[in-house]
Amino acid sequence: MDIIKVEKLDFSYGNRQILKEIDLDIKSKRLTGILGPNGCGKSTLLKNILGYLKNDSGNIKILDKDSRDYTQKEKAKCISLVPQKSQLMSAIEDFVLMGRLPHLQNSWDGYSQRDKETAYRCICQLELESFIKRKAVTLSGGEFQRVLLARALTQETEIILLDEPTSALDLNHAIDLMEKVKKTITEKGITAVAVLHDLNLAAMFCDEIVMMKDGKVYCKGSPKETFTAANLKEIYELECSIFYTENDIPYIIPKSKGGNK
């Protein structure tokens, strides 16, 4: 099943066209990585899917329903976002509980016991119990990203979008976060789409890769199918060597542009 279907999507900031006739199908219960050089339209594509930006033309379907036919509250019940950053001022438990807002009957309703239990379960799932009363300013980058993921999980959506979730993390914390994302997909049977920059991290965790260039989808497939020397040369102007683990996962070693090996 195509849980997200994008057809002939165009989007511009003023006179500058960012997305150009994007055609893309996102499969259910998989982790899809969206990769490409800076400025190619990766995060803009996510914002169009969410409805934060209004496309110039084309169509987006979410769960086989036209995206324009959803109210914002309806869409928030089926799709959630882990952003790069957020203004997190409240205590962790209150911030994570905000993921239940789409499920409130009206804006003046208080959170139910089920809402609170759902939030606490997600906090425990991401091993954040010891931080529950702390404020954002006291958290490390890795801890902060786990809080953002906990809020998205508390929203209980079928789809989670992640916008460069590992960009501010060291390798150890980046791997830890992606392991938690992949485990969640497997255990809960949900779908995740992540904008990523680290090719090797994407190869380790993504079931499918979408590679973008100049506002278009350049190629799509498994990490092994997409991470080829020819594709990386064309998309990133990168000379590299590609090796494979015993599980047939590609890993990429770039060649220095200065000629050093």
C-alpha atoms as a PDB file:
ATOM      1  CA  MET A   1       0.000   0.000   0.000  1.00  0.00           C
ATOM      2  CA  ASP A   2       1.217   3.531  -0.835  1.00  0.00           C
ATOM      3  CA  ILE A   3       0.652   5.352   2.434  1.00  0.00           C
ATOM      4  CA  ILE A   4       1.768   8.669   0.880  1.00  0.00           C
ATOM      5  CA  LYS A   5       1.437   9.349  -2.841  1.00  0.00           C
ATOM      6  CA  VAL A   6       2.830  12.528  -4.416  1.00  0.00           C
ATOM      7  CA  GLU A   7       1.941  13.297  -8.030  1.00  0.00           C
ATOM      8  CA  LYS A   8       3.439  16.012 -10.262  1.00  0.00           C
ATOM      9  CA  LEU A   9       4.161  18.264  -7.264  1.00  0.00           C
ATOM     10  CA  ASP A  10       5.526  21.750  -7.970  1.00  0.00           C
ATOM     11  CA  PHE A  11       6.400  24.319  -5.325  1.00  0.00           C
ATOM     12  CA  SER A  12       8.057  27.756  -5.494  1.00  0.00           C
ATOM     13  CA  TYR A  13       9.275  30.365  -3.048  1.00  0.00           C
ATOM     14  CA  GLY A  14       8.355  33.492  -4.983  1.00  0.00           C
ATOM     15  CA  ASN A  15       9.909  33.201  -8.431  1.00  0.00           C
ATOM     16  CA  ARG A  16      12.291  30.422  -7.370  1.00  0.00           C
ATOM     17  CA  GLN A  17      11.011  26.937  -8.121  1.00  0.00           C
ATOM     18  CA  ILE A  18      12.103  24.456  -5.456  1.00  0.00           C
ATOM     19  CA  LEU A  19      10.149  21.278  -6.268  1.00  0.00           C
ATOM     20  CA  LYS A  20       9.686  20.211  -9.881  1.00  0.00           C
ATOM     21  CA  GLU A  21       7.100  17.593 -10.865  1.00  0.00           C
ATOM     22  CA  ILE A  22       7.804  15.337  -7.889  1.00  0.00           C
ATOM     23  CA  ASP A  23       6.337  11.857  -8.260  1.00  0.00           C
ATOM     24  CA  LEU A  24       6.800   9.711  -5.164  1.00  0.00           C
ATOM     25  CA  ASP A  25       5.164   6.711  -3.501  1.00  0.00           C
ATOM     26  CA  ILE A  26       5.938   5.946   0.148  1.00  0.00           C
ATOM     27  CA  LYS A  27       5.296   2.336   1.152  1.00  0.00           C
ATOM     28  CA  SER A  28       3.634   1.379   4.412  1.00  0.00           C
ATOM     29  CA  LYS A  29       5.510   0.133   7.508  1.00  0.00           C
ATOM     30  CA  ARG A  30       8.948   1.063   6.193  1.00  0.00           C
ATOM     31  CA  LEU A  31      11.616   3.655   6.921  1.00  0.00           C
ATOM     32  CA  THR A  32      12.218   5.760   3.830  1.00  0.00           C
ATOM     33  CA  GLY A  33      15.212   8.091   3.743  1.00  0.00           C
ATOM     34  CA  ILE A  34      15.181  11.253   1.639  1.00  0.00           C
ATOM     35  CA  LEU A  35      18.703  12.349   0.723  1.00  0.00           C
ATOM     36  CA  GLY A  36      20.411  14.854  -1.530  1.00  0.00           C
ATOM     37  CA  PRO A  37      22.636  17.923  -1.431  1.00  0.00           C
ATOM     38  CA  ASN A  38      21.739  21.089   0.474  1.00  0.00           C
ATOM     39  CA  GLY A  39      19.019  23.105  -1.216  1.00  0.00           C
ATOM     40  CA  CYS A  40      17.597  20.257  -3.315  1.00  0.00           C
ATOM     41  CA  GLY A  41      14.153  20.485  -1.664  1.00  0.00           C
ATOM     42  CA  LYS A  42      14.154  17.665   0.908  1.00  0.00           C
ATOM     43  CA  SER A  43      12.698  19.565   3.875  1.00  0.00           C
ATOM     44  CA  THR A  44      10.425  21.572   1.567  1.00  0.00           C
ATOM     45  CA  LEU A  45       8.934  18.293   0.357  1.00  0.00           C
ATOM     46  CA  LEU A  46       8.135  17.264   3.952  1.00  0.00           C
ATOM     47  CA  LYS A  47       6.490  20.622   4.638  1.00  0.00           C
ATOM     48  CA  ASN A  48       4.313  20.223   1.536  1.00  0.00           C
ATOM     49  CA  ILE A  49       3.231  16.756   2.678  1.00  0.00           C
ATOM     50  CA  LEU A  50       2.356  18.145   6.110  1.00  0.00           C
ATOM     51  CA  GLY A  51       0.453  21.062   4.572  1.00  0.00           C
ATOM     52  CA  TYR A  52       2.734  23.675   6.176  1.00  0.00           C
ATOM     53  CA  LEU A  53       3.408  24.923   2.638  1.00  0.00           C
ATOM     54  CA  LYS A  54       0.883  25.146  -0.201  1.00  0.00           C
ATOM     55  CA  ASN A  55       2.035  23.575  -3.446  1.00  0.00           C
ATOM     56  CA  ASP A  56       1.739  25.398  -6.781  1.00  0.00           C
ATOM     57  CA  SER A  57       0.353  22.354  -8.570  1.00  0.00           C
ATOM     58  CA  GLY A  58       0.124  18.600  -8.279  1.00  0.00           C
ATOM     59  CA  ASN A  59      -1.514  16.365  -5.742  1.00  0.00           C
ATOM     60  CA  ILE A  60      -0.673  14.666  -2.432  1.00  0.00           C
ATOM     61  CA  LYS A  61      -2.613  11.724  -1.038  1.00  0.00           C
ATOM     62  CA  ILE A  62      -2.242  10.552   2.556  1.00  0.00           C
ATOM     63  CA  LEU A  63      -3.771   7.185   3.456  1.00  0.00           C
ATOM     64  CA  ASP A  64      -5.528   7.191   0.058  1.00  0.00           C
ATOM     65  CA  LYS A  65      -7.241  10.526   0.751  1.00  0.00           C
ATOM     66  CA  ASP A  66      -6.478  13.862  -0.915  1.00  0.00           C
ATOM     67  CA  SER A  67      -4.395  15.932   1.496  1.00  0.00           C
ATOM     68  CA  ARG A  68      -6.582  18.974   0.846  1.00  0.00           C
ATOM     69  CA  ASP A  69      -9.629  17.126   2.161  1.00  0.00           C
ATOM     70  CA  TYR A  70      -8.164  16.845   5.671  1.00  0.00           C
ATOM     71  CA  THR A  71      -8.678  19.441   8.347  1.00  0.00           C
ATOM     72  CA  GLN A  72      -5.475  20.241  10.238  1.00  0.00           C
ATOM     73  CA  LYS A  73      -6.782  18.308  13.233  1.00  0.00           C
ATOM     74  CA  GLU A  74      -7.633  15.273  11.088  1.00  0.00           C
ATOM     75  CA  LYS A  75      -4.205  15.337   9.481  1.00  0.00           C
ATOM     76  CA  ALA A  76      -2.537  15.615  12.896  1.00  0.00           C
ATOM     77  CA  LYS A  77      -4.228  12.338  13.855  1.00  0.00           C
ATOM     78  CA  CYS A  78      -2.546  10.446  11.024  1.00  0.00           C
ATOM     79  CA  ILE A  79       0.797  12.196  10.504  1.00  0.00           C
ATOM     80  CA  SER A  80       3.290  13.652  13.012  1.00  0.00           C
ATOM     81  CA  LEU A  81       6.613  15.478  12.770  1.00  0.00           C
ATOM     82  CA  VAL A  82       9.971  15.250  14.509  1.00  0.00           C
ATOM     83  CA  PRO A  83      11.492  18.641  13.578  1.00  0.00           C
ATOM     84  CA  GLN A  84      15.150  19.663  13.594  1.00  0.00           C
ATOM     85  CA  LYS A  85      14.499  21.912  16.566  1.00  0.00           C
ATOM     86  CA  SER A  86      11.644  23.236  18.667  1.00  0.00           C
ATOM     87  CA  GLN A  87      10.967  25.894  21.269  1.00  0.00           C
ATOM     88  CA  LEU A  88      10.717  23.541  24.221  1.00  0.00           C
ATOM     89  CA  MET A  89      10.208  25.649  27.346  1.00  0.00           C
ATOM     90  CA  SER A  90       7.963  23.467  29.501  1.00  0.00           C
ATOM     91  CA  ALA A  91       8.866  20.422  31.543  1.00  0.00           C
ATOM     92  CA  ILE A  92       9.439  17.262  29.510  1.00  0.00           C
ATOM     93  CA  GLU A  93       6.239  15.546  30.658  1.00  0.00           C
ATOM     94  CA  ASP A  94       4.108  18.556  29.651  1.00  0.00           C
ATOM     95  CA  PHE A  95       5.805  18.905  26.280  1.00  0.00           C
ATOM     96  CA  VAL A  96       5.391  15.236  25.387  1.00  0.00           C
ATOM     97  CA  LEU A  97       1.754  15.365  26.497  1.00  0.00           C
ATOM     98  CA  MET A  98       1.155  18.037  23.827  1.00  0.00           C
ATOM     99  CA  GLY A  99       1.201  15.177  21.329  1.00  0.00           C
ATOM    100  CA  ARG A 100      -2.326  14.379  22.537  1.00  0.00           C
ATOM    101  CA  LEU A 101      -3.739  17.778  21.494  1.00  0.00           C
ATOM    102  CA  PRO A 102      -5.221  16.488  18.193  1.00  0.00           C
ATOM    103  CA  HIS A 103      -7.202  13.912  20.177  1.00  0.00           C
ATOM    104  CA  LEU A 104      -8.912  16.400  22.506  1.00  0.00           C
ATOM    105  CA  GLN A 105     -12.600  16.919  21.740  1.00  0.00           C
ATOM    106  CA  ASN A 106     -12.203  20.691  22.025  1.00  0.00           C
ATOM    107  CA  SER A 107      -9.533  23.194  23.014  1.00  0.00           C
ATOM    108  CA  TRP A 108     -10.743  23.660  26.585  1.00  0.00           C
ATOM    109  CA  ASP A 109     -10.868  19.955  27.400  1.00  0.00           C
ATOM    110  CA  GLY A 110      -8.248  18.719  29.802  1.00  0.00           C
ATOM    111  CA  TYR A 111      -6.079  15.684  29.135  1.00  0.00           C
ATOM    112  CA  SER A 112      -7.671  12.364  30.028  1.00  0.00           C
ATOM    113  CA  GLN A 113      -6.053   9.642  32.080  1.00  0.00           C
ATOM    114  CA  ARG A 114      -5.470   7.720  28.834  1.00  0.00           C
ATOM    115  CA  ASP A 115      -3.666  10.751  27.351  1.00  0.00           C
ATOM    116  CA  LYS A 116      -1.364  10.917  30.359  1.00  0.00           C
ATOM    117  CA  GLU A 117      -0.727   7.173  30.321  1.00  0.00           C
ATOM    118  CA  THR A 118       0.084   7.276  26.595  1.00  0.00           C
ATOM    119  CA  ALA A 119       2.579  10.109  27.085  1.00  0.00           C
ATOM    120  CA  TYR A 120       4.251   8.386  30.028  1.00  0.00           C
ATOM    121  CA  ARG A 121       4.498   5.105  28.121  1.00  0.00           C
ATOM    122  CA  CYS A 122       6.292   6.873  25.259  1.00  0.00           C
ATOM    123  CA  ILE A 123       8.583   8.657  27.723  1.00  0.00           C
ATOM    124  CA  CYS A 124       9.527   5.280  29.220  1.00  0.00           C
ATOM    125  CA  GLN A 125       9.916   3.702  25.793  1.00  0.00           C
ATOM    126  CA  LEU A 126      12.589   6.274  24.952  1.00  0.00           C
ATOM    127  CA  GLU A 127      14.217   6.003  28.384  1.00  0.00           C
ATOM    128  CA  LEU A 128      13.390   9.564  29.434  1.00  0.00           C
ATOM    129  CA  GLU A 129      11.844   8.872  32.850  1.00  0.00           C
ATOM    130  CA  SER A 130      14.749  10.422  34.747  1.00  0.00           C
ATOM    131  CA  PHE A 131      14.348  13.694  32.792  1.00  0.00           C
ATOM    132  CA  ILE A 132      10.593  14.003  33.176  1.00  0.00           C
ATOM    133  CA  LYS A 133      10.635  17.196  35.307  1.00  0.00           C
ATOM    134  CA  ARG A 134      13.569  18.830  33.536  1.00  0.00           C
ATOM    135  CA  LYS A 135      13.477  21.754  31.079  1.00  0.00           C
ATOM    136  CA  ALA A 136      14.867  21.722  27.565  1.00  0.00           C
ATOM    137  CA  VAL A 137      17.830  23.948  28.361  1.00  0.00           C
ATOM    138  CA  THR A 138      19.257  21.195  30.564  1.00  0.00           C
ATOM    139  CA  LEU A 139      19.130  18.496  27.857  1.00  0.00           C
ATOM    140  CA  SER A 140      21.842  17.328  25.503  1.00  0.00           C
ATOM    141  CA  GLY A 141      21.187  17.195  21.760  1.00  0.00           C
ATOM    142  CA  GLY A 142      20.506  13.477  21.839  1.00  0.00           C
ATOM    143  CA  GLU A 143      18.152  13.743  24.808  1.00  0.00           C
ATOM    144  CA  PHE A 144      16.297  16.609  23.154  1.00  0.00           C
ATOM    145  CA  GLN A 145      15.738  14.629  19.929  1.00  0.00           C
ATOM    146  CA  ARG A 146      14.390  11.711  21.952  1.00  0.00           C
ATOM    147  CA  VAL A 147      11.886  14.084  23.575  1.00  0.00           C
ATOM    148  CA  LEU A 148      10.738  15.266  20.136  1.00  0.00           C
ATOM    149  CA  LEU A 149      10.351  11.647  19.052  1.00  0.00           C
ATOM    150  CA  ALA A 150       8.407  10.841  22.246  1.00  0.00           C
ATOM    151  CA  ARG A 151       5.972  13.671  21.487  1.00  0.00           C
ATOM    152  CA  ALA A 152       5.453  12.335  17.938  1.00  0.00           C
ATOM    153  CA  LEU A 153       4.836   8.813  19.270  1.00  0.00           C
ATOM    154  CA  THR A 154       2.384  10.166  21.837  1.00  0.00           C
ATOM    155  CA  GLN A 155       0.410  11.594  18.915  1.00  0.00           C
ATOM    156  CA  GLU A 156      -0.252   7.958  17.875  1.00  0.00           C
ATOM    157  CA  THR A 157      -0.144   8.527  14.126  1.00  0.00           C
ATOM    158  CA  GLU A 158       0.356   5.985  11.353  1.00  0.00           C
ATOM    159  CA  ILE A 159       3.070   8.152   9.790  1.00  0.00           C
ATOM    160  CA  ILE A 160       6.031   9.970  11.346  1.00  0.00           C
ATOM    161  CA  LEU A 161       8.093  12.477   9.364  1.00  0.00           C
ATOM    162  CA  LEU A 162      11.589  13.296  10.643  1.00  0.00           C
ATOM    163  CA  ASP A 163      13.361  16.417   9.372  1.00  0.00           C
ATOM    164  CA  GLU A 164      17.128  15.948   9.741  1.00  0.00           C
ATOM    165  CA  PRO A 165      16.740  14.331  13.191  1.00  0.00           C
ATOM    166  CA  THR A 166      20.456  13.502  13.518  1.00  0.00           C
ATOM    167  CA  SER A 167      21.996  16.712  12.127  1.00  0.00           C
ATOM    168  CA  ALA A 168      23.068  18.053  15.548  1.00  0.00           C
ATOM    169  CA  LEU A 169      24.071  14.705  17.045  1.00  0.00           C
ATOM    170  CA  ASP A 170      27.404  12.933  17.329  1.00  0.00           C
ATOM    171  CA  LEU A 171      27.637   9.526  15.688  1.00  0.00           C
ATOM    172  CA  ASN A 172      26.874   7.560  18.864  1.00  0.00           C
ATOM    173  CA  HIS A 173      23.686   9.514  19.601  1.00  0.00           C
ATOM    174  CA  ALA A 174      22.677   9.510  15.926  1.00  0.00           C
ATOM    175  CA  ILE A 175      22.863   5.715  15.805  1.00  0.00           C
ATOM    176  CA  ASP A 176      20.969   5.449  19.100  1.00  0.00           C
ATOM    177  CA  LEU A 177      18.150   7.665  17.805  1.00  0.00           C
ATOM    178  CA  MET A 178      17.858   5.826  14.486  1.00  0.00           C
ATOM    179  CA  GLU A 179      17.807   2.479  16.302  1.00  0.00           C
ATOM    180  CA  LYS A 180      14.862   3.728  18.355  1.00  0.00           C
ATOM    181  CA  VAL A 181      13.074   4.949  15.226  1.00  0.00           C
ATOM    182  CA  LYS A 182      13.585   1.603  13.453  1.00  0.00           C
ATOM    183  CA  LYS A 183      12.491  -0.376  16.526  1.00  0.00           C
ATOM    184  CA  THR A 184       9.331   1.732  16.781  1.00  0.00           C
ATOM    185  CA  ILE A 185       8.441   1.097  13.140  1.00  0.00           C
ATOM    186  CA  THR A 186       8.841  -2.634  13.631  1.00  0.00           C
ATOM    187  CA  GLU A 187       6.956  -2.877  16.917  1.00  0.00           C
ATOM    188  CA  LYS A 188       4.100  -0.468  16.152  1.00  0.00           C
ATOM    189  CA  GLY A 189       3.766  -1.170  12.427  1.00  0.00           C
ATOM    190  CA  ILE A 190       4.000   2.502  11.453  1.00  0.00           C
ATOM    191  CA  THR A 191       5.665   4.324   8.561  1.00  0.00           C
ATOM    192  CA  ALA A 192       8.539   6.806   8.866  1.00  0.00           C
ATOM    193  CA  VAL A 193      10.078   9.204   6.358  1.00  0.00           C
ATOM    194  CA  ALA A 194      13.372  10.817   7.383  1.00  0.00           C
ATOM    195  CA  VAL A 195      15.359  13.587   5.720  1.00  0.00           C
ATOM    196  CA  LEU A 196      18.987  12.585   6.304  1.00  0.00           C
ATOM    197  CA  HIS A 197      22.451  13.777   5.294  1.00  0.00           C
ATOM    198  CA  ASP A 198      24.637  10.913   6.479  1.00  0.00           C
ATOM    199  CA  LEU A 199      24.751   8.344   3.679  1.00  0.00           C
ATOM    200  CA  ASN A 200      26.159   5.539   5.808  1.00  0.00           C
ATOM    201  CA  LEU A 201      23.597   6.106   8.551  1.00  0.00           C
ATOM    202  CA  ALA A 202      20.837   5.975   5.928  1.00  0.00           C
ATOM    203  CA  ALA A 203      22.276   2.742   4.502  1.00  0.00           C
ATOM    204  CA  MET A 204      22.272   1.158   7.975  1.00  0.00           C
ATOM    205  CA  PHE A 205      18.650   1.907   8.843  1.00  0.00           C
ATOM    206  CA  CYS A 206      16.544   2.799   5.803  1.00  0.00           C
ATOM    207  CA  ASP A 207      14.496   0.218   3.916  1.00  0.00           C
ATOM    208  CA  GLU A 208      14.209   2.520   0.925  1.00  0.00           C
ATOM    209  CA  ILE A 209      16.150   5.548  -0.286  1.00  0.00           C
ATOM    210  CA  VAL A 210      14.848   8.508  -2.295  1.00  0.00           C
ATOM    211  CA  MET A 211      17.651  10.622  -3.750  1.00  0.00           C
ATOM    212  CA  MET A 212      16.870  14.166  -4.873  1.00  0.00           C
ATOM    213  CA  LYS A 213      18.738  16.617  -7.064  1.00  0.00           C
ATOM    214  CA  ASP A 214      17.706  20.118  -8.182  1.00  0.00           C
ATOM    215  CA  GLY A 215      14.162  19.750  -6.865  1.00  0.00           C
ATOM    216  CA  LYS A 216      13.486  16.411  -8.560  1.00  0.00           C
ATOM    217  CA  VAL A 217      13.558  12.752  -7.564  1.00  0.00           C
ATOM    218  CA  TYR A 218      16.721  11.416  -9.187  1.00  0.00           C
ATOM    219  CA  CYS A 219      16.377   7.772  -8.141  1.00  0.00           C
ATOM    220  CA  LYS A 220      14.612   5.512  -5.664  1.00  0.00           C
ATOM    221  CA  GLY A 221      15.279   2.015  -4.338  1.00  0.00           C
ATOM    222  CA  SER A 222      17.090   0.060  -1.662  1.00  0.00           C
ATOM    223  CA  PRO A 223      20.378   1.430  -0.280  1.00  0.00           C
ATOM    224  CA  LYS A 224      22.273  -1.067  -2.430  1.00  0.00           C
ATOM    225  CA  GLU A 225      20.385  -0.017  -5.559  1.00  0.00           C
ATOM    226  CA  THR A 226      20.732   3.732  -5.028  1.00  0.00           C
ATOM    227  CA  PHE A 227      24.147   4.121  -3.394  1.00  0.00           C
ATOM    228  CA  THR A 228      26.253   3.525  -6.472  1.00  0.00           C
ATOM    229  CA  ALA A 229      29.424   5.348  -7.458  1.00  0.00           C
ATOM    230  CA  ALA A 230      27.667   6.726 -10.553  1.00  0.00           C
ATOM    231  CA  ASN A 231      24.688   8.086  -8.588  1.00  0.00           C
ATOM    232  CA  LEU A 232      26.837   9.692  -5.887  1.00  0.00           C
ATOM    233  CA  LYS A 233      29.035  11.284  -8.529  1.00  0.00           C
ATOM    234  CA  GLU A 234      26.002  12.710 -10.326  1.00  0.00           C
ATOM    235  CA  ILE A 235      24.117  13.900  -7.233  1.00  0.00           C
ATOM    236  CA  TYR A 236      26.927  15.043  -4.919  1.00  0.00           C
ATOM    237  CA  GLU A 237      29.848  15.386  -7.346  1.00  0.00           C
ATOM    238  CA  LEU A 238      31.481  12.895  -5.021  1.00  0.00           C
ATOM    239  CA  GLU A 239      34.170  10.413  -5.935  1.00  0.00           C
ATOM    240  CA  CYS A 240      33.980   7.457  -3.586  1.00  0.00           C
ATOM    241  CA  SER A 241      34.611   3.785  -2.997  1.00  0.00           C
ATOM    242  CA  ILE A 242      31.689   1.575  -1.969  1.00  0.00           C
ATOM    243  CA  PHE A 243      32.090  -1.558   0.115  1.00  0.00           C
ATOM    244  CA  TYR A 244      29.533  -3.933   1.636  1.00  0.00           C
ATOM    245  CA  THR A 245      29.068  -5.421   5.065  1.00  0.00           C
ATOM    246  CA  GLU A 246      28.416  -9.119   5.591  1.00  0.00           C
ATOM    247  CA  ASN A 247      24.695  -8.209   5.562  1.00  0.00           C
ATOM    248  CA  ASP A 248      25.119  -6.590   2.129  1.00  0.00           C
ATOM    249  CA  ILE A 249      24.702  -3.053   3.481  1.00  0.00           C
ATOM    250  CA  PRO A 250      26.763  -0.528   1.495  1.00  0.00           C
ATOM    251  CA  TYR A 251      29.189   1.791   3.222  1.00  0.00           C
ATOM    252  CA  ILE A 252      30.786   4.686   1.467  1.00  0.00           C
ATOM    253  CA  ILE A 253      34.312   6.011   1.762  1.00  0.00           C
ATOM    254  CA  PRO A 254      34.726   9.351  -0.042  1.00  0.00           C
ATOM    255  CA  LYS A 255      37.891  10.245  -1.866  1.00  0.00           C
ATOM    256  CA  SER A 256      39.582  13.494  -0.966  1.00  0.00           C
ATOM    257  CA  LYS A 257      39.129  16.234  -3.550  1.00  0.00           C
ATOM    258  CA  GLY A 258      42.647  17.277  -2.796  1.00  0.00           C
ATOM    259  CA  GLY A 259      43.923  13.988  -4.146  1.00  0.00           C
ATOM    260  CA  ASN A 260      44.914  12.478  -0.781  1.00  0.00           C
ATOM    261  CA  LYS A 261      43.914   8.866  -0.256  1.00  0.00           C
END
